[in-house]
Amino acid sequence: MLLILLLTAALVGACAYTVWPRDDEAASADAGREAPAHEPVTLEGALVVQLVAGEISRPQYVHAMEKLAARDDERHPLAVPPDNGPAAAGA
């Protein structure tokens, strides 16, 4: 029982050590800076960023997404497999 308590205390201590701030000066310097904004990687992400920033309206966003979906459908059409009936019916 004592071993379990010691292992639990060690685990809690290790977790606390990893999240505890190392240096008060570094923590206060980081608090004043904004986090770097990541650039969107996909066109959908770019459209969402523009929508949230107010650069495009909601109807413009919907229209652009419709055009994007139509273009994607032309490039990569969905191939639906044939319907062979229920899988367990013949077995």
C-alpha atoms as a PDB file:
ATOM      1  CA  MET A   1       0.000   0.000   0.000  1.00  0.00           C
ATOM      2  CA  LEU A   2       2.842   2.334   0.859  1.00  0.00           C
ATOM      3  CA  LEU A   3       4.453   1.596  -2.498  1.00  0.00           C
ATOM      4  CA  ILE A   4       1.287   2.605  -4.362  1.00  0.00           C
ATOM      5  CA  LEU A   5       1.099   5.866  -2.408  1.00  0.00           C
ATOM      6  CA  LEU A   6       4.752   6.642  -3.168  1.00  0.00           C
ATOM      7  CA  LEU A   7       4.308   5.900  -6.864  1.00  0.00           C
ATOM      8  CA  THR A   8       1.175   8.072  -6.986  1.00  0.00           C
ATOM      9  CA  ALA A   9       2.994  10.924  -5.239  1.00  0.00           C
ATOM     10  CA  ALA A  10       5.908  10.594  -7.668  1.00  0.00           C
ATOM     11  CA  LEU A  11       3.554  10.666 -10.641  1.00  0.00           C
ATOM     12  CA  VAL A  12       1.737  13.744  -9.353  1.00  0.00           C
ATOM     13  CA  GLY A  13       5.088  15.418  -8.663  1.00  0.00           C
ATOM     14  CA  ALA A  14       6.355  14.651 -12.170  1.00  0.00           C
ATOM     15  CA  CYS A  15       3.173  16.028 -13.739  1.00  0.00           C
ATOM     16  CA  ALA A  16       3.354  19.178 -11.616  1.00  0.00           C
ATOM     17  CA  TYR A  17       7.008  19.646 -12.527  1.00  0.00           C
ATOM     18  CA  THR A  18       6.299  19.516 -16.255  1.00  0.00           C
ATOM     19  CA  VAL A  19       3.567  22.170 -16.153  1.00  0.00           C
ATOM     20  CA  TRP A  20       5.149  24.459 -13.544  1.00  0.00           C
ATOM     21  CA  PRO A  21       6.591  27.680 -15.055  1.00  0.00           C
ATOM     22  CA  ARG A  22      10.379  27.595 -15.021  1.00  0.00           C
ATOM     23  CA  ASP A  23      11.177  31.317 -14.984  1.00  0.00           C
ATOM     24  CA  ASP A  24       8.901  34.185 -13.925  1.00  0.00           C
ATOM     25  CA  GLU A  25      10.637  36.622 -16.283  1.00  0.00           C
ATOM     26  CA  ALA A  26      10.175  34.382 -19.307  1.00  0.00           C
ATOM     27  CA  ALA A  27       6.527  33.767 -18.420  1.00  0.00           C
ATOM     28  CA  SER A  28       5.801  37.495 -18.096  1.00  0.00           C
ATOM     29  CA  ALA A  29       7.626  38.240 -21.376  1.00  0.00           C
ATOM     30  CA  ASP A  30       5.597  35.585 -23.189  1.00  0.00           C
ATOM     31  CA  ALA A  31       2.324  36.910 -21.773  1.00  0.00           C
ATOM     32  CA  GLY A  32       2.817  40.269 -23.514  1.00  0.00           C
ATOM     33  CA  ARG A  33       3.281  38.769 -26.960  1.00  0.00           C
ATOM     34  CA  GLU A  34       0.539  37.489 -29.198  1.00  0.00           C
ATOM     35  CA  ALA A  35       0.690  33.923 -30.376  1.00  0.00           C
ATOM     36  CA  PRO A  36       1.875  33.645 -33.980  1.00  0.00           C
ATOM     37  CA  ALA A  37      -1.029  33.227 -36.370  1.00  0.00           C
ATOM     38  CA  HIS A  38      -0.825  30.129 -38.525  1.00  0.00           C
ATOM     39  CA  GLU A  39      -1.588  30.510 -42.180  1.00  0.00           C
ATOM     40  CA  PRO A  40      -4.425  28.333 -43.470  1.00  0.00           C
ATOM     41  CA  VAL A  41      -3.215  25.368 -45.483  1.00  0.00           C
ATOM     42  CA  THR A  42      -6.382  24.613 -47.477  1.00  0.00           C
ATOM     43  CA  LEU A  43      -8.734  26.754 -49.480  1.00  0.00           C
ATOM     44  CA  GLU A  44     -11.511  25.913 -47.028  1.00  0.00           C
ATOM     45  CA  GLY A  45      -9.343  27.241 -44.212  1.00  0.00           C
ATOM     46  CA  ALA A  46      -8.637  30.449 -46.105  1.00  0.00           C
ATOM     47  CA  LEU A  47     -12.355  30.964 -46.686  1.00  0.00           C
ATOM     48  CA  VAL A  48     -13.093  30.452 -42.990  1.00  0.00           C
ATOM     49  CA  VAL A  49     -10.382  32.955 -42.024  1.00  0.00           C
ATOM     50  CA  GLN A  50     -11.885  35.502 -44.428  1.00  0.00           C
ATOM     51  CA  LEU A  51     -15.386  34.862 -43.082  1.00  0.00           C
ATOM     52  CA  VAL A  52     -14.328  35.261 -39.453  1.00  0.00           C
ATOM     53  CA  ALA A  53     -12.326  38.399 -40.248  1.00  0.00           C
ATOM     54  CA  GLY A  54     -15.362  39.929 -41.968  1.00  0.00           C
ATOM     55  CA  GLU A  55     -13.669  40.153 -45.353  1.00  0.00           C
ATOM     56  CA  ILE A  56     -16.451  38.149 -47.024  1.00  0.00           C
ATOM     57  CA  SER A  57     -20.121  37.776 -46.170  1.00  0.00           C
ATOM     58  CA  ARG A  58     -21.884  34.534 -45.325  1.00  0.00           C
ATOM     59  CA  PRO A  59     -23.566  34.272 -48.781  1.00  0.00           C
ATOM     60  CA  GLN A  60     -20.183  34.812 -50.440  1.00  0.00           C
ATOM     61  CA  TYR A  61     -18.707  32.056 -48.262  1.00  0.00           C
ATOM     62  CA  VAL A  62     -21.536  29.650 -49.135  1.00  0.00           C
ATOM     63  CA  HIS A  63     -21.194  30.434 -52.848  1.00  0.00           C
ATOM     64  CA  ALA A  64     -17.425  29.888 -52.754  1.00  0.00           C
ATOM     65  CA  MET A  65     -17.869  26.573 -50.931  1.00  0.00           C
ATOM     66  CA  GLU A  66     -20.474  25.475 -53.513  1.00  0.00           C
ATOM     67  CA  LYS A  67     -18.036  26.249 -56.324  1.00  0.00           C
ATOM     68  CA  LEU A  68     -15.272  24.423 -54.474  1.00  0.00           C
ATOM     69  CA  ALA A  69     -17.483  21.350 -53.957  1.00  0.00           C
ATOM     70  CA  ALA A  70     -18.512  21.326 -57.637  1.00  0.00           C
ATOM     71  CA  ARG A  71     -14.882  21.560 -58.733  1.00  0.00           C
ATOM     72  CA  ASP A  72     -13.934  18.757 -56.350  1.00  0.00           C
ATOM     73  CA  ASP A  73     -16.798  16.623 -57.694  1.00  0.00           C
ATOM     74  CA  GLU A  74     -15.506  17.102 -61.261  1.00  0.00           C
ATOM     75  CA  ARG A  75     -11.932  16.214 -60.324  1.00  0.00           C
ATOM     76  CA  HIS A  76     -12.740  13.318 -57.991  1.00  0.00           C
ATOM     77  CA  PRO A  77     -16.185  11.897 -58.727  1.00  0.00           C
ATOM     78  CA  LEU A  78     -17.724   9.628 -56.123  1.00  0.00           C
ATOM     79  CA  ALA A  79     -17.938   6.036 -57.319  1.00  0.00           C
ATOM     80  CA  VAL A  80     -20.760   4.243 -55.530  1.00  0.00           C
ATOM     81  CA  PRO A  81     -20.403   0.457 -55.463  1.00  0.00           C
ATOM     82  CA  PRO A  82     -23.292  -1.579 -56.905  1.00  0.00           C
ATOM     83  CA  ASP A  83     -26.010  -2.735 -54.523  1.00  0.00           C
ATOM     84  CA  ASN A  84     -25.669  -6.502 -54.111  1.00  0.00           C
ATOM     85  CA  GLY A  85     -28.386  -6.815 -51.498  1.00  0.00           C
ATOM     86  CA  PRO A  86     -27.953  -7.544 -47.818  1.00  0.00           C
ATOM     87  CA  ALA A  87     -24.601  -9.105 -46.964  1.00  0.00           C
ATOM     88  CA  ALA A  88     -26.012 -11.717 -44.574  1.00  0.00           C
ATOM     89  CA  ALA A  89     -28.964 -12.827 -46.778  1.00  0.00           C
ATOM     90  CA  GLY A  90     -27.069 -15.382 -48.872  1.00  0.00           C
ATOM     91  CA  ALA A  91     -24.965 -16.808 -46.066  1.00  0.00           C
END
